[in-house]
Amino acid sequence: ELPICPARLMGKVVPFSGGGYFRLVPLWLQRQLLNRMDYVMFY
């Protein structure tokens, strides 16, 4: 299983790496999340 990878922000699980989330999550925040994760599934 290769799941979609959410990030944890302010105690909440937040998806960010695909589809509509690219339009909802600011680019600067996406970059920060990517830098702190060892696995990311983009779609």
PDB file of all heavy atoms in Angstrom:
ATOM      1  N   GLU A   1       0.838  -1.195   0.000  1.00  0.00           N
ATOM      2  CA  GLU A   1       0.000   0.000   0.000  1.00  0.00           C
ATOM      3  C   GLU A   1       0.874   1.246   0.000  1.00  0.00           C
ATOM      4  O   GLU A   1       1.745   1.425   0.860  1.00  0.00           O
ATOM      5  CB  GLU A   1      -0.934   0.022   1.207  1.00  0.00           C
ATOM      6  CG  GLU A   1      -1.836   1.249   1.267  1.00  0.00           C
ATOM      7  CD  GLU A   1      -2.761   1.356   0.066  1.00  0.00           C
ATOM      8  OE1 GLU A   1      -3.370   0.323  -0.321  1.00  0.00           O
ATOM      9  OE2 GLU A   1      -2.861   2.479  -0.492  1.00  0.00           O
ATOM     10  N   LEU A   2       0.641   2.115  -0.986  1.00  0.00           N
ATOM     11  CA  LEU A   2       1.319   3.407  -1.086  1.00  0.00           C
ATOM     12  C   LEU A   2       0.249   4.488  -0.928  1.00  0.00           C
ATOM     13  O   LEU A   2      -0.373   4.914  -1.896  1.00  0.00           O
ATOM     14  CB  LEU A   2       2.030   3.543  -2.426  1.00  0.00           C
ATOM     15  CG  LEU A   2       3.081   2.473  -2.743  1.00  0.00           C
ATOM     16  CD1 LEU A   2       3.619   2.637  -4.149  1.00  0.00           C
ATOM     17  CD2 LEU A   2       4.219   2.542  -1.733  1.00  0.00           C
ATOM     18  N   PRO A   3       0.002   4.957   0.293  1.00  0.00           N
ATOM     19  CA  PRO A   3      -1.119   5.858   0.540  1.00  0.00           C
ATOM     20  C   PRO A   3      -0.819   7.305   0.174  1.00  0.00           C
ATOM     21  O   PRO A   3       0.329   7.692  -0.031  1.00  0.00           O
ATOM     22  CB  PRO A   3      -1.335   5.724   2.052  1.00  0.00           C
ATOM     23  CG  PRO A   3       0.054   5.468   2.573  1.00  0.00           C
ATOM     24  CD  PRO A   3       0.740   4.628   1.522  1.00  0.00           C
ATOM     25  N   ILE A   4      -1.878   8.093   0.100  1.00  0.00           N
ATOM     26  CA  ILE A   4      -1.722   9.533   0.040  1.00  0.00           C
ATOM     27  C   ILE A   4      -1.158   9.979   1.377  1.00  0.00           C
ATOM     28  O   ILE A   4      -1.523   9.477   2.427  1.00  0.00           O
ATOM     29  CB  ILE A   4      -3.071  10.214  -0.242  1.00  0.00           C
ATOM     30  CG1 ILE A   4      -3.575   9.803  -1.620  1.00  0.00           C
ATOM     31  CG2 ILE A   4      -2.967  11.723  -0.143  1.00  0.00           C
ATOM     32  CD1 ILE A   4      -2.665  10.232  -2.744  1.00  0.00           C
ATOM     33  N   CYS A   5      -0.245  10.942   1.359  1.00  0.00           N
ATOM     34  CA  CYS A   5       0.429  11.328   2.595  1.00  0.00           C
ATOM     35  C   CYS A   5      -0.091  12.671   3.102  1.00  0.00           C
ATOM     36  O   CYS A   5       0.100  13.704   2.470  1.00  0.00           O
ATOM     37  CB  CYS A   5       1.945  11.404   2.372  1.00  0.00           C
ATOM     38  SG  CYS A   5       2.370  12.350   0.920  1.00  0.00           S
ATOM     39  N   PRO A   6      -0.774  12.672   4.215  1.00  0.00           N
ATOM     40  CA  PRO A   6      -1.195  13.935   4.807  1.00  0.00           C
ATOM     41  C   PRO A   6      -0.113  14.493   5.722  1.00  0.00           C
ATOM     42  O   PRO A   6       0.814  13.794   6.128  1.00  0.00           O
ATOM     43  CB  PRO A   6      -2.439  13.533   5.605  1.00  0.00           C
ATOM     44  CG  PRO A   6      -2.143  12.112   6.022  1.00  0.00           C
ATOM     45  CD  PRO A   6      -1.291  11.509   4.940  1.00  0.00           C
ATOM     46  N   ALA A   7      -0.228  15.749   6.057  1.00  0.00           N
ATOM     47  CA  ALA A   7       0.651  16.379   7.030  1.00  0.00           C
ATOM     48  C   ALA A   7      -0.156  16.731   8.272  1.00  0.00           C
ATOM     49  O   ALA A   7      -1.379  16.857   8.214  1.00  0.00           O
ATOM     50  CB  ALA A   7       1.279  17.637   6.441  1.00  0.00           C
ATOM     51  N   ARG A   8       0.498  16.873   9.380  1.00  0.00           N
ATOM     52  CA  ARG A   8      -0.181  17.239  10.620  1.00  0.00           C
ATOM     53  C   ARG A   8       0.111  18.701  10.923  1.00  0.00           C
ATOM     54  O   ARG A   8       1.256  19.101  11.144  1.00  0.00           O
ATOM     55  CB  ARG A   8       0.263  16.344  11.769  1.00  0.00           C
ATOM     56  CG  ARG A   8      -0.533  16.507  13.044  1.00  0.00           C
ATOM     57  CD  ARG A   8      -0.279  15.384  14.022  1.00  0.00           C
ATOM     58  NE  ARG A   8      -0.822  14.133  13.568  1.00  0.00           N
ATOM     59  CZ  ARG A   8      -2.101  13.775  13.754  1.00  0.00           C
ATOM     60  NH1 ARG A   8      -2.955  14.594  14.364  1.00  0.00           N
ATOM     61  NH2 ARG A   8      -2.512  12.600  13.327  1.00  0.00           N
ATOM     62  N   LEU A   9      -0.947  19.511  10.935  1.00  0.00           N
ATOM     63  CA  LEU A   9      -0.835  20.934  11.204  1.00  0.00           C
ATOM     64  C   LEU A   9      -1.797  21.315  12.312  1.00  0.00           C
ATOM     65  O   LEU A   9      -3.006  21.067  12.218  1.00  0.00           O
ATOM     66  CB  LEU A   9      -1.155  21.754   9.947  1.00  0.00           C
ATOM     67  CG  LEU A   9      -0.179  21.651   8.772  1.00  0.00           C
ATOM     68  CD1 LEU A   9      -0.747  22.382   7.570  1.00  0.00           C
ATOM     69  CD2 LEU A   9       1.166  22.222   9.154  1.00  0.00           C
ATOM     70  N   MET A  10      -1.255  21.886  13.379  1.00  0.00           N
ATOM     71  CA  MET A  10      -2.069  22.349  14.495  1.00  0.00           C
ATOM     72  C   MET A  10      -2.987  21.256  15.021  1.00  0.00           C
ATOM     73  O   MET A  10      -4.150  21.475  15.336  1.00  0.00           O
ATOM     74  CB  MET A  10      -2.888  23.579  14.084  1.00  0.00           C
ATOM     75  CG  MET A  10      -2.051  24.751  13.608  1.00  0.00           C
ATOM     76  SD  MET A  10      -3.027  26.172  13.030  1.00  0.00           S
ATOM     77  CE  MET A  10      -3.793  26.657  14.549  1.00  0.00           C
ATOM     78  N   GLY A  11      -2.421  20.054  15.079  1.00  0.00           N
ATOM     79  CA  GLY A  11      -3.160  18.930  15.622  1.00  0.00           C
ATOM     80  C   GLY A  11      -4.131  18.275  14.670  1.00  0.00           C
ATOM     81  O   GLY A  11      -4.818  17.329  15.044  1.00  0.00           O
ATOM     82  N   LYS A  12      -4.211  18.779  13.435  1.00  0.00           N
ATOM     83  CA  LYS A  12      -5.135  18.224  12.458  1.00  0.00           C
ATOM     84  C   LYS A  12      -4.372  17.563  11.316  1.00  0.00           C
ATOM     85  O   LYS A  12      -3.286  17.994  10.945  1.00  0.00           O
ATOM     86  CB  LYS A  12      -6.057  19.306  11.903  1.00  0.00           C
ATOM     87  CG  LYS A  12      -7.010  19.902  12.935  1.00  0.00           C
ATOM     88  CD  LYS A  12      -7.958  20.890  12.289  1.00  0.00           C
ATOM     89  CE  LYS A  12      -8.952  21.426  13.301  1.00  0.00           C
ATOM     90  NZ  LYS A  12      -9.900  22.393  12.669  1.00  0.00           N
ATOM     91  N   VAL A  13      -4.974  16.486  10.759  1.00  0.00           N
ATOM     92  CA  VAL A  13      -4.406  15.807   9.607  1.00  0.00           C
ATOM     93  C   VAL A  13      -4.860  16.529   8.345  1.00  0.00           C
ATOM     94  O   VAL A  13      -6.056  16.627   8.068  1.00  0.00           O
ATOM     95  CB  VAL A  13      -4.843  14.330   9.571  1.00  0.00           C
ATOM     96  CG1 VAL A  13      -4.282  13.649   8.333  1.00  0.00           C
ATOM     97  CG2 VAL A  13      -4.391  13.605  10.829  1.00  0.00           C
ATOM     98  N   VAL A  14      -3.906  17.050   7.565  1.00  0.00           N
ATOM     99  CA  VAL A  14      -4.216  17.884   6.406  1.00  0.00           C
ATOM    100  C   VAL A  14      -3.564  17.304   5.153  1.00  0.00           C
ATOM    101  O   VAL A  14      -2.336  17.251   5.056  1.00  0.00           O
ATOM    102  CB  VAL A  14      -3.718  19.327   6.610  1.00  0.00           C
ATOM    103  CG1 VAL A  14      -4.076  20.184   5.395  1.00  0.00           C
ATOM    104  CG2 VAL A  14      -4.285  19.917   7.882  1.00  0.00           C
ATOM    105  N   PRO A  15      -4.352  16.840   4.177  1.00  0.00           N
ATOM    106  CA  PRO A  15      -3.782  16.406   2.897  1.00  0.00           C
ATOM    107  C   PRO A  15      -3.292  17.628   2.120  1.00  0.00           C
ATOM    108  O   PRO A  15      -3.826  18.720   2.256  1.00  0.00           O
ATOM    109  CB  PRO A  15      -4.962  15.734   2.184  1.00  0.00           C
ATOM    110  CG  PRO A  15      -6.019  15.586   3.237  1.00  0.00           C
ATOM    111  CD  PRO A  15      -5.801  16.642   4.246  1.00  0.00           C
ATOM    112  N   PHE A  16      -2.295  17.444   1.289  1.00  0.00           N
ATOM    113  CA  PHE A  16      -1.762  18.605   0.573  1.00  0.00           C
ATOM    114  C   PHE A  16      -1.123  18.264  -0.764  1.00  0.00           C
ATOM    115  O   PHE A  16      -0.799  19.186  -1.528  1.00  0.00           O
ATOM    116  CB  PHE A  16      -0.707  19.300   1.435  1.00  0.00           C
ATOM    117  CG  PHE A  16       0.583  18.524   1.575  1.00  0.00           C
ATOM    118  CD1 PHE A  16       1.666  18.804   0.760  1.00  0.00           C
ATOM    119  CD2 PHE A  16       0.711  17.507   2.507  1.00  0.00           C
ATOM    120  CE1 PHE A  16       2.846  18.086   0.879  1.00  0.00           C
ATOM    121  CE2 PHE A  16       1.883  16.786   2.632  1.00  0.00           C
ATOM    122  CZ  PHE A  16       2.962  17.075   1.820  1.00  0.00           C
ATOM    123  N   SER A  17      -0.937  17.002  -1.091  1.00  0.00           N
ATOM    124  CA  SER A  17      -0.039  16.639  -2.181  1.00  0.00           C
ATOM    125  C   SER A  17      -0.727  16.241  -3.483  1.00  0.00           C
ATOM    126  O   SER A  17      -0.146  15.527  -4.296  1.00  0.00           O
ATOM    127  CB  SER A  17       0.876  15.490  -1.743  1.00  0.00           C
ATOM    128  OG  SER A  17       0.113  14.315  -1.480  1.00  0.00           O
ATOM    129  N   GLY A  18      -1.932  16.709  -3.706  1.00  0.00           N
ATOM    130  CA  GLY A  18      -2.551  16.333  -4.967  1.00  0.00           C
ATOM    131  C   GLY A  18      -3.890  16.987  -5.205  1.00  0.00           C
ATOM    132  O   GLY A  18      -4.510  17.564  -4.299  1.00  0.00           O
ATOM    133  N   GLY A  19      -4.352  16.873  -6.450  1.00  0.00           N
ATOM    134  CA  GLY A  19      -5.676  17.326  -6.828  1.00  0.00           C
ATOM    135  C   GLY A  19      -5.973  18.747  -6.410  1.00  0.00           C
ATOM    136  O   GLY A  19      -5.171  19.673  -6.578  1.00  0.00           O
ATOM    137  N   GLY A  20      -7.146  18.941  -5.813  1.00  0.00           N
ATOM    138  CA  GLY A  20      -7.581  20.259  -5.391  1.00  0.00           C
ATOM    139  C   GLY A  20      -6.747  20.867  -4.287  1.00  0.00           C
ATOM    140  O   GLY A  20      -6.768  22.089  -4.080  1.00  0.00           O
ATOM    141  N   TYR A  21      -5.995  20.027  -3.563  1.00  0.00           N
ATOM    142  CA  TYR A  21      -5.179  20.549  -2.467  1.00  0.00           C
ATOM    143  C   TYR A  21      -4.059  21.464  -2.963  1.00  0.00           C
ATOM    144  O   TYR A  21      -3.598  22.342  -2.239  1.00  0.00           O
ATOM    145  CB  TYR A  21      -4.606  19.400  -1.638  1.00  0.00           C
ATOM    146  CG  TYR A  21      -5.679  18.529  -1.034  1.00  0.00           C
ATOM    147  CD1 TYR A  21      -5.897  17.234  -1.500  1.00  0.00           C
ATOM    148  CD2 TYR A  21      -6.511  19.011  -0.029  1.00  0.00           C
ATOM    149  CE1 TYR A  21      -6.882  16.437  -0.962  1.00  0.00           C
ATOM    150  CE2 TYR A  21      -7.510  18.217   0.508  1.00  0.00           C
ATOM    151  CZ  TYR A  21      -7.694  16.933   0.032  1.00  0.00           C
ATOM    152  OH  TYR A  21      -8.684  16.144   0.551  1.00  0.00           O
ATOM    153  N   PHE A  22      -3.599  21.268  -4.207  1.00  0.00           N
ATOM    154  CA  PHE A  22      -2.599  22.169  -4.769  1.00  0.00           C
ATOM    155  C   PHE A  22      -3.149  23.583  -4.928  1.00  0.00           C
ATOM    156  O   PHE A  22      -2.409  24.554  -4.917  1.00  0.00           O
ATOM    157  CB  PHE A  22      -2.112  21.653  -6.120  1.00  0.00           C
ATOM    158  CG  PHE A  22      -1.120  20.527  -6.020  1.00  0.00           C
ATOM    159  CD1 PHE A  22      -1.339  19.331  -6.655  1.00  0.00           C
ATOM    160  CD2 PHE A  22       0.036  20.669  -5.282  1.00  0.00           C
ATOM    161  CE1 PHE A  22      -0.426  18.291  -6.556  1.00  0.00           C
ATOM    162  CE2 PHE A  22       0.946  19.634  -5.178  1.00  0.00           C
ATOM    163  CZ  PHE A  22       0.719  18.445  -5.816  1.00  0.00           C
ATOM    164  N   ARG A  23      -4.467  23.689  -5.102  1.00  0.00           N
ATOM    165  CA  ARG A  23      -5.080  25.005  -5.247  1.00  0.00           C
ATOM    166  C   ARG A  23      -5.431  25.620  -3.894  1.00  0.00           C
ATOM    167  O   ARG A  23      -5.587  26.831  -3.783  1.00  0.00           O
ATOM    168  CB  ARG A  23      -6.336  24.907  -6.108  1.00  0.00           C
ATOM    169  CG  ARG A  23      -6.076  24.452  -7.537  1.00  0.00           C
ATOM    170  CD  ARG A  23      -7.325  24.533  -8.383  1.00  0.00           C
ATOM    171  NE  ARG A  23      -8.336  23.577  -7.968  1.00  0.00           N
ATOM    172  CZ  ARG A  23      -8.411  22.323  -8.393  1.00  0.00           C
ATOM    173  NH1 ARG A  23      -7.509  21.883  -9.253  1.00  0.00           N
ATOM    174  NH2 ARG A  23      -9.351  21.508  -7.972  1.00  0.00           N
ATOM    175  N   LEU A  24      -5.579  24.790  -2.878  1.00  0.00           N
ATOM    176  CA  LEU A  24      -5.990  25.270  -1.574  1.00  0.00           C
ATOM    177  C   LEU A  24      -4.814  25.600  -0.658  1.00  0.00           C
ATOM    178  O   LEU A  24      -4.897  26.532   0.146  1.00  0.00           O
ATOM    179  CB  LEU A  24      -6.886  24.220  -0.890  1.00  0.00           C
ATOM    180  CG  LEU A  24      -8.223  23.907  -1.587  1.00  0.00           C
ATOM    181  CD1 LEU A  24      -8.906  22.727  -0.909  1.00  0.00           C
ATOM    182  CD2 LEU A  24      -9.129  25.117  -1.575  1.00  0.00           C
ATOM    183  N   VAL A  25      -3.736  24.825  -0.770  1.00  0.00           N
ATOM    184  CA  VAL A  25      -2.584  25.005   0.116  1.00  0.00           C
ATOM    185  C   VAL A  25      -1.562  25.924  -0.545  1.00  0.00           C
ATOM    186  O   VAL A  25      -1.131  25.664  -1.671  1.00  0.00           O
ATOM    187  CB  VAL A  25      -1.933  23.644   0.445  1.00  0.00           C
ATOM    188  CG1 VAL A  25      -0.746  23.824   1.380  1.00  0.00           C
ATOM    189  CG2 VAL A  25      -2.968  22.699   1.077  1.00  0.00           C
ATOM    190  N   PRO A  26      -1.171  27.019   0.103  1.00  0.00           N
ATOM    191  CA  PRO A  26      -0.187  27.945  -0.481  1.00  0.00           C
ATOM    192  C   PRO A  26       1.124  27.236  -0.827  1.00  0.00           C
ATOM    193  O   PRO A  26       1.532  26.290  -0.147  1.00  0.00           O
ATOM    194  CB  PRO A  26       0.028  28.973   0.632  1.00  0.00           C
ATOM    195  CG  PRO A  26      -1.171  28.872   1.508  1.00  0.00           C
ATOM    196  CD  PRO A  26      -1.624  27.446   1.432  1.00  0.00           C
ATOM    197  N   LEU A  27       1.783  27.724  -1.881  1.00  0.00           N
ATOM    198  CA  LEU A  27       2.998  27.106  -2.355  1.00  0.00           C
ATOM    199  C   LEU A  27       4.080  27.090  -1.280  1.00  0.00           C
ATOM    200  O   LEU A  27       4.792  26.100  -1.116  1.00  0.00           O
ATOM    201  CB  LEU A  27       3.500  27.821  -3.618  1.00  0.00           C
ATOM    202  CG  LEU A  27       4.768  27.261  -4.267  1.00  0.00           C
ATOM    203  CD1 LEU A  27       4.567  25.810  -4.681  1.00  0.00           C
ATOM    204  CD2 LEU A  27       5.152  28.108  -5.489  1.00  0.00           C
ATOM    205  N   TRP A  28       4.234  28.202  -0.544  1.00  0.00           N
ATOM    206  CA  TRP A  28       5.266  28.253   0.489  1.00  0.00           C
ATOM    207  C   TRP A  28       5.047  27.192   1.552  1.00  0.00           C
ATOM    208  O   TRP A  28       6.008  26.603   2.061  1.00  0.00           O
ATOM    209  CB  TRP A  28       5.326  29.646   1.124  1.00  0.00           C
ATOM    210  CG  TRP A  28       4.071  30.042   1.882  1.00  0.00           C
ATOM    211  CD1 TRP A  28       3.004  30.743   1.395  1.00  0.00           C
ATOM    212  CD2 TRP A  28       3.752  29.739   3.250  1.00  0.00           C
ATOM    213  NE1 TRP A  28       2.048  30.909   2.361  1.00  0.00           N
ATOM    214  CE2 TRP A  28       2.486  30.311   3.519  1.00  0.00           C
ATOM    215  CE3 TRP A  28       4.421  29.060   4.264  1.00  0.00           C
ATOM    216  CZ2 TRP A  28       1.860  30.212   4.763  1.00  0.00           C
ATOM    217  CZ3 TRP A  28       3.809  28.958   5.516  1.00  0.00           C
ATOM    218  CH2 TRP A  28       2.546  29.520   5.748  1.00  0.00           C
ATOM    219  N   LEU A  29       3.778  26.915   1.885  1.00  0.00           N
ATOM    220  CA  LEU A  29       3.484  25.905   2.880  1.00  0.00           C
ATOM    221  C   LEU A  29       3.742  24.504   2.318  1.00  0.00           C
ATOM    222  O   LEU A  29       4.253  23.635   3.025  1.00  0.00           O
ATOM    223  CB  LEU A  29       2.034  26.031   3.355  1.00  0.00           C
ATOM    224  CG  LEU A  29       1.569  25.021   4.414  1.00  0.00           C
ATOM    225  CD1 LEU A  29       2.472  25.077   5.643  1.00  0.00           C
ATOM    226  CD2 LEU A  29       0.115  25.297   4.796  1.00  0.00           C
ATOM    227  N   GLN A  30       3.397  24.297   1.053  1.00  0.00           N
ATOM    228  CA  GLN A  30       3.675  23.008   0.424  1.00  0.00           C
ATOM    229  C   GLN A  30       5.170  22.695   0.469  1.00  0.00           C
ATOM    230  O   GLN A  30       5.570  21.566   0.771  1.00  0.00           O
ATOM    231  CB  GLN A  30       3.173  23.001  -1.017  1.00  0.00           C
ATOM    232  CG  GLN A  30       1.659  22.985  -1.151  1.00  0.00           C
ATOM    233  CD  GLN A  30       1.215  22.915  -2.594  1.00  0.00           C
ATOM    234  OE1 GLN A  30       1.986  22.518  -3.457  1.00  0.00           O
ATOM    235  NE2 GLN A  30      -0.010  23.294  -2.880  1.00  0.00           N
ATOM    236  N   ARG A  31       5.991  23.700   0.171  1.00  0.00           N
ATOM    237  CA  ARG A  31       7.439  23.489   0.183  1.00  0.00           C
ATOM    238  C   ARG A  31       7.930  23.129   1.574  1.00  0.00           C
ATOM    239  O   ARG A  31       8.787  22.242   1.738  1.00  0.00           O
ATOM    240  CB  ARG A  31       8.142  24.738  -0.335  1.00  0.00           C
ATOM    241  CG  ARG A  31       7.997  24.944  -1.847  1.00  0.00           C
ATOM    242  CD  ARG A  31       8.549  26.281  -2.277  1.00  0.00           C
ATOM    243  NE  ARG A  31       8.550  26.401  -3.731  1.00  0.00           N
ATOM    244  CZ  ARG A  31       8.729  27.553  -4.380  1.00  0.00           C
ATOM    245  NH1 ARG A  31       8.924  28.677  -3.679  1.00  0.00           N
ATOM    246  NH2 ARG A  31       8.703  27.576  -5.698  1.00  0.00           N
ATOM    247  N   GLN A  32       7.416  23.797   2.593  1.00  0.00           N
ATOM    248  CA  GLN A  32       7.800  23.477   3.961  1.00  0.00           C
ATOM    249  C   GLN A  32       7.420  22.042   4.329  1.00  0.00           C
ATOM    250  O   GLN A  32       8.204  21.312   4.944  1.00  0.00           O
ATOM    251  CB  GLN A  32       7.152  24.456   4.930  1.00  0.00           C
ATOM    252  CG  GLN A  32       7.756  25.846   4.937  1.00  0.00           C
ATOM    253  CD  GLN A  32       7.239  26.693   6.095  1.00  0.00           C
ATOM    254  OE1 GLN A  32       6.632  26.185   7.043  1.00  0.00           O
ATOM    255  NE2 GLN A  32       7.482  27.999   6.024  1.00  0.00           N
ATOM    256  N   LEU A  33       6.226  21.642   3.931  1.00  0.00           N
ATOM    257  CA  LEU A  33       5.767  20.292   4.236  1.00  0.00           C
ATOM    258  C   LEU A  33       6.606  19.246   3.511  1.00  0.00           C
ATOM    259  O   LEU A  33       6.954  18.207   4.086  1.00  0.00           O
ATOM    260  CB  LEU A  33       4.290  20.148   3.862  1.00  0.00           C
ATOM    261  CG  LEU A  33       3.306  21.015   4.663  1.00  0.00           C
ATOM    262  CD1 LEU A  33       1.901  20.905   4.095  1.00  0.00           C
ATOM    263  CD2 LEU A  33       3.309  20.627   6.129  1.00  0.00           C
ATOM    264  N   LEU A  34       6.939  19.524   2.261  1.00  0.00           N
ATOM    265  CA  LEU A  34       7.746  18.589   1.483  1.00  0.00           C
ATOM    266  C   LEU A  34       9.129  18.394   2.092  1.00  0.00           C
ATOM    267  O   LEU A  34       9.663  17.288   2.118  1.00  0.00           O
ATOM    268  CB  LEU A  34       7.866  19.072   0.038  1.00  0.00           C
ATOM    269  CG  LEU A  34       6.596  19.032  -0.814  1.00  0.00           C
ATOM    270  CD1 LEU A  34       6.825  19.699  -2.161  1.00  0.00           C
ATOM    271  CD2 LEU A  34       6.134  17.602  -1.000  1.00  0.00           C
ATOM    272  N   ASN A  35       9.691  19.473   2.577  1.00  0.00           N
ATOM    273  CA  ASN A  35      11.041  19.409   3.138  1.00  0.00           C
ATOM    274  C   ASN A  35      11.123  18.591   4.423  1.00  0.00           C
ATOM    275  O   ASN A  35      12.172  18.073   4.766  1.00  0.00           O
ATOM    276  CB  ASN A  35      11.578  20.823   3.388  1.00  0.00           C
ATOM    277  CG  ASN A  35      11.891  21.560   2.092  1.00  0.00           C
ATOM    278  OD1 ASN A  35      12.188  20.954   1.060  1.00  0.00           O
ATOM    279  ND2 ASN A  35      11.803  22.897   2.131  1.00  0.00           N
ATOM    280  N   ARG A  36      10.004  18.464   5.129  1.00  0.00           N
ATOM    281  CA  ARG A  36      10.044  17.730   6.377  1.00  0.00           C
ATOM    282  C   ARG A  36       9.548  16.296   6.255  1.00  0.00           C
ATOM    283  O   ARG A  36       9.447  15.613   7.253  1.00  0.00           O
ATOM    284  CB  ARG A  36       9.244  18.463   7.451  1.00  0.00           C
ATOM    285  CG  ARG A  36       8.027  18.912   7.175  1.00  0.00           C
ATOM    286  CD  ARG A  36       7.371  19.842   8.200  1.00  0.00           C
ATOM    287  NE  ARG A  36       6.260  19.197   8.862  1.00  0.00           N
ATOM    288  CZ  ARG A  36       5.283  19.819   9.470  1.00  0.00           C
ATOM    289  NH1 ARG A  36       5.318  21.118   9.607  1.00  0.00           N
ATOM    290  NH2 ARG A  36       4.297  19.162  10.030  1.00  0.00           N
ATOM    291  N   MET A  37       9.235  15.856   5.012  1.00  0.00           N
ATOM    292  CA  MET A  37       8.689  14.526   4.834  1.00  0.00           C
ATOM    293  C   MET A  37       9.611  13.655   3.994  1.00  0.00           C
ATOM    294  O   MET A  37      10.202  14.116   3.014  1.00  0.00           O
ATOM    295  CB  MET A  37       7.299  14.598   4.181  1.00  0.00           C
ATOM    296  CG  MET A  37       6.300  15.418   4.984  1.00  0.00           C
ATOM    297  SD  MET A  37       4.641  15.424   4.338  1.00  0.00           S
ATOM    298  CE  MET A  37       4.140  13.745   4.737  1.00  0.00           C
ATOM    299  N   ASP A  38       9.735  12.397   4.383  1.00  0.00           N
ATOM    300  CA  ASP A  38      10.577  11.445   3.651  1.00  0.00           C
ATOM    301  C   ASP A  38       9.817  10.734   2.534  1.00  0.00           C
ATOM    302  O   ASP A  38      10.432  10.116   1.666  1.00  0.00           O
ATOM    303  CB  ASP A  38      11.138  10.399   4.616  1.00  0.00           C
ATOM    304  CG  ASP A  38      12.054  11.016   5.661  1.00  0.00           C
ATOM    305  OD1 ASP A  38      12.788  11.964   5.318  1.00  0.00           O
ATOM    306  OD2 ASP A  38      12.032  10.549   6.829  1.00  0.00           O
ATOM    307  N   TYR A  39       8.493  10.798   2.587  1.00  0.00           N
ATOM    308  CA  TYR A  39       7.675  10.127   1.575  1.00  0.00           C
ATOM    309  C   TYR A  39       6.534  11.049   1.173  1.00  0.00           C
ATOM    310  O   TYR A  39       5.810  11.577   2.021  1.00  0.00           O
ATOM    311  CB  TYR A  39       7.115   8.811   2.128  1.00  0.00           C
ATOM    312  CG  TYR A  39       5.925   8.275   1.358  1.00  0.00           C
ATOM    313  CD1 TYR A  39       6.092   7.638   0.137  1.00  0.00           C
ATOM    314  CD2 TYR A  39       4.624   8.409   1.862  1.00  0.00           C
ATOM    315  CE1 TYR A  39       5.000   7.162  -0.573  1.00  0.00           C
ATOM    316  CE2 TYR A  39       3.536   7.925   1.166  1.00  0.00           C
ATOM    317  CZ  TYR A  39       3.720   7.309  -0.050  1.00  0.00           C
ATOM    318  OH  TYR A  39       2.636   6.828  -0.761  1.00  0.00           O
ATOM    319  N   VAL A  40       6.368  11.240  -0.136  1.00  0.00           N
ATOM    320  CA  VAL A  40       5.272  12.046  -0.649  1.00  0.00           C
ATOM    321  C   VAL A  40       4.703  11.375  -1.896  1.00  0.00           C
ATOM    322  O   VAL A  40       5.446  11.043  -2.829  1.00  0.00           O
ATOM    323  CB  VAL A  40       5.707  13.480  -1.002  1.00  0.00           C
ATOM    324  CG1 VAL A  40       4.508  14.256  -1.566  1.00  0.00           C
ATOM    325  CG2 VAL A  40       6.257  14.199   0.221  1.00  0.00           C
ATOM    326  N   MET A  41       3.385  11.167  -1.900  1.00  0.00           N
ATOM    327  CA  MET A  41       2.683  10.661  -3.071  1.00  0.00           C
ATOM    328  C   MET A  41       1.950  11.827  -3.731  1.00  0.00           C
ATOM    329  O   MET A  41       0.986  12.359  -3.181  1.00  0.00           O
ATOM    330  CB  MET A  41       1.675   9.574  -2.667  1.00  0.00           C
ATOM    331  CG  MET A  41       0.689   9.189  -3.772  1.00  0.00           C
ATOM    332  SD  MET A  41       1.421   8.357  -5.191  1.00  0.00           S
ATOM    333  CE  MET A  41       1.641   6.716  -4.513  1.00  0.00           C
ATOM    334  N   PHE A  42       2.441  12.253  -4.890  1.00  0.00           N
ATOM    335  CA  PHE A  42       1.780  13.310  -5.645  1.00  0.00           C
ATOM    336  C   PHE A  42       0.750  12.696  -6.600  1.00  0.00           C
ATOM    337  O   PHE A  42       0.972  11.624  -7.166  1.00  0.00           O
ATOM    338  CB  PHE A  42       2.788  14.088  -6.489  1.00  0.00           C
ATOM    339  CG  PHE A  42       3.802  14.853  -5.691  1.00  0.00           C
ATOM    340  CD1 PHE A  42       5.029  14.291  -5.388  1.00  0.00           C
ATOM    341  CD2 PHE A  42       3.523  16.139  -5.250  1.00  0.00           C
ATOM    342  CE1 PHE A  42       5.974  14.998  -4.656  1.00  0.00           C
ATOM    343  CE2 PHE A  42       4.470  16.847  -4.524  1.00  0.00           C
ATOM    344  CZ  PHE A  42       5.688  16.279  -4.222  1.00  0.00           C
ATOM    345  N   TYR A  43      -0.369  13.397  -6.776  1.00  0.00           N
ATOM    346  CA  TYR A  43      -1.313  12.952  -7.797  1.00  0.00           C
ATOM    347  C   TYR A  43      -1.966  14.157  -8.471  1.00  0.00           C
ATOM    348  O   TYR A  43      -2.285  15.153  -7.839  1.00  0.00           O
ATOM    349  CB  TYR A  43      -2.377  12.004  -7.222  1.00  0.00           C
ATOM    350  CG  TYR A  43      -3.405  12.655  -6.318  1.00  0.00           C
ATOM    351  CD1 TYR A  43      -4.668  13.023  -6.793  1.00  0.00           C
ATOM    352  CD2 TYR A  43      -3.131  12.889  -4.973  1.00  0.00           C
ATOM    353  CE1 TYR A  43      -5.608  13.605  -5.967  1.00  0.00           C
ATOM    354  CE2 TYR A  43      -4.074  13.460  -4.133  1.00  0.00           C
ATOM    355  CZ  TYR A  43      -5.306  13.815  -4.637  1.00  0.00           C
ATOM    356  OH  TYR A  43      -6.251  14.396  -3.810  1.00  0.00           O
TER     357      TYR A  43
END
